[in-house]
C-alpha atoms as a PDB file:
ATOM      1  CA  MET A   1     116.649 125.386  92.357  1.00  0.00           C
ATOM      2  CA  ASP A   2     115.545 126.036  88.637  1.00  0.00           C
ATOM      3  CA  GLY A   3     117.080 123.149  87.197  1.00  0.00           C
ATOM      4  CA  CYS A   4     118.448 125.692  84.576  1.00  0.00           C
ATOM      5  CA  GLY A   5     122.423 124.247  84.845  1.00  0.00           C
ATOM      6  CA  HIS A   6     123.431 127.022  87.577  1.00  0.00           C
ATOM      7  CA  PHE A   7     126.607 126.571  89.815  1.00  0.00           C
ATOM      8  CA  LEU A   8     124.650 127.644  92.966  1.00  0.00           C
ATOM      9  CA  ASP A   9     122.212 124.654  92.317  1.00  0.00           C
ATOM     10  CA  ASN A  10     124.812 122.170  93.101  1.00  0.00           C
ATOM     11  CA  VAL A  11     125.983 123.898  95.778  1.00  0.00           C
ATOM     12  CA  PHE A  12     122.685 123.219  98.183  1.00  0.00           C
ATOM     13  CA  ILE A  13     122.934 119.611  97.439  1.00  0.00           C
ATOM     14  CA  GLU A  14     126.406 119.181  97.875  1.00  0.00           C
ATOM     15  CA  ARG A  15     125.802 121.215 101.314  1.00  0.00           C
ATOM     16  CA  LEU A  16     123.091 118.564 102.294  1.00  0.00           C
ATOM     17  CA  TRP A  17     124.939 115.507 100.904  1.00  0.00           C
ATOM     18  CA  ARG A  18     127.620 116.430 103.224  1.00  0.00           C
ATOM     19  CA  SER A  19     125.640 117.169 106.046  1.00  0.00           C
ATOM     20  CA  LEU A  20     124.172 113.705 105.574  1.00  0.00           C
ATOM     21  CA  LYS A  21     127.083 111.979 104.929  1.00  0.00           C
ATOM     22  CA  TYR A  22     128.834 113.142 108.682  1.00  0.00           C
ATOM     23  CA  GLU A  23     125.946 113.519 110.815  1.00  0.00           C
ATOM     24  CA  LEU A  24     124.240 110.071 109.550  1.00  0.00           C
ATOM     25  CA  ILE A  25     125.779 107.801 108.228  1.00  0.00           C
ATOM     26  CA  HIS A  26     129.585 107.323 109.232  1.00  0.00           C
ATOM     27  CA  PRO A  27     128.141 107.679 112.825  1.00  0.00           C
ATOM     28  CA  GLY A  28     125.320 105.546 112.167  1.00  0.00           C
ATOM     29  CA  ASP A  29     125.527 101.580 112.433  1.00  0.00           C
ATOM     30  CA  PHE A  30     122.856  99.847 110.050  1.00  0.00           C
ATOM     31  CA  ALA A  31     121.730  96.533 110.035  1.00  0.00           C
ATOM     32  CA  ASP A  32     120.341  96.740 106.826  1.00  0.00           C
ATOM     33  CA  GLY A  33     118.667  98.845 104.416  1.00  0.00           C
ATOM     34  CA  THR A  34     115.737  99.351 106.138  1.00  0.00           C
ATOM     35  CA  ASP A  35     117.311 100.847 109.089  1.00  0.00           C
ATOM     36  CA  LEU A  36     118.983 102.856 106.794  1.00  0.00           C
ATOM     37  CA  ARG A  37     115.628 104.276 105.267  1.00  0.00           C
ATOM     38  CA  LYS A  38     114.100 105.003 108.640  1.00  0.00           C
ATOM     39  CA  ALA A  39     117.093 106.968 109.640  1.00  0.00           C
ATOM     40  CA  LEU A  40     117.091 109.440 106.658  1.00  0.00           C
ATOM     41  CA  GLY A  41     113.447 109.553 107.175  1.00  0.00           C
ATOM     42  CA  ARG A  42     113.975 110.935 110.848  1.00  0.00           C
ATOM     43  CA  TYR A  43     116.814 112.822 109.516  1.00  0.00           C
ATOM     44  CA  PHE A  44     115.443 114.295 106.400  1.00  0.00           C
ATOM     45  CA  ASP A  45     112.588 115.668 109.121  1.00  0.00           C
ATOM     46  CA  PHE A  46     114.964 116.879 111.515  1.00  0.00           C
ATOM     47  CA  TYR A  47     116.974 118.543 108.869  1.00  0.00           C
ATOM     48  CA  ASN A  48     113.706 120.328 106.885  1.00  0.00           C
ATOM     49  CA  TYR A  49     111.907 121.058 110.264  1.00  0.00           C
ATOM     50  CA  ARG A  50     113.998 121.154 113.286  1.00  0.00           C
ATOM     51  CA  ARG A  51     117.912 121.978 112.540  1.00  0.00           C
ATOM     52  CA  PRO A  52     118.474 125.706 112.111  1.00  0.00           C
ATOM     53  CA  HIS A  53     120.523 126.533 109.080  1.00  0.00           C
ATOM     54  CA  GLN A  54     123.410 129.286 109.473  1.00  0.00           C
ATOM     55  CA  PRO A  55     123.112 130.432 105.553  1.00  0.00           C
ATOM     56  CA  LEU A  56     119.133 130.758 106.295  1.00  0.00           C
ATOM     57  CA  ALA A  57     119.599 133.180 109.758  1.00  0.00           C
ATOM     58  CA  TYR A  58     119.369 130.020 111.567  1.00  0.00           C
ATOM     59  CA  LYS A  59     115.959 129.324 110.787  1.00  0.00           C
ATOM     60  CA  THR A  60     115.075 125.820 109.164  1.00  0.00           C
ATOM     61  CA  PRO A  61     113.994 125.557 105.444  1.00  0.00           C
ATOM     62  CA  ALA A  62     110.822 124.888 106.109  1.00  0.00           C
ATOM     63  CA  GLU A  63     110.311 128.293 108.451  1.00  0.00           C
ATOM     64  CA  LEU A  64     111.245 130.002 105.043  1.00  0.00           C
ATOM     65  CA  CYS A  65     109.201 127.950 102.109  1.00  0.00           C
ATOM     66  CA  ARG A  66     106.528 127.004 104.378  1.00  0.00           C
ATOM     67  CA  PRO A  67     105.573 128.764 107.557  1.00  0.00           C
ATOM     68  CA  LYS A  68     102.666 127.636 108.221  1.00  0.00           C
ATOM     69  CA  ALA A  69     102.985 123.766 107.972  1.00  0.00           C
ATOM     70  CA  ALA A  70     106.331 124.271 109.904  1.00  0.00           C
ATOM     71  CA  ALA A  71     104.630 125.509 112.894  1.00  0.00           C
ATOM     72  CA  LYS A  72     102.111 122.754 112.675  1.00  0.00           C
ATOM     73  CA  LYS A  73     105.282 119.768 112.554  1.00  0.00           C
ATOM     74  CA  THR A  74     107.262 121.522 115.023  1.00  0.00           C
ATOM     75  CA  THR A  75     104.466 121.748 117.898  1.00  0.00           C
ATOM     76  CA  PRO A  76     103.993 118.636 119.397  1.00  0.00           C
END
């Protein structure tokens, strides 16, 4: 995302928020904002390091952007 106002920048953000809404927010039951904040942290970790993405040839965003960091993060 280069910040120049290109329409493709918005596509990536819309996909992220759609996934977040359907995979975490709607099925989730959060008691308060603290529970939601913790769940969001776990979700973004999952989304970036463990969830394969079809447009990325079933790789994670971390594998494409930072391959060494992704390898360290996914190992137990």
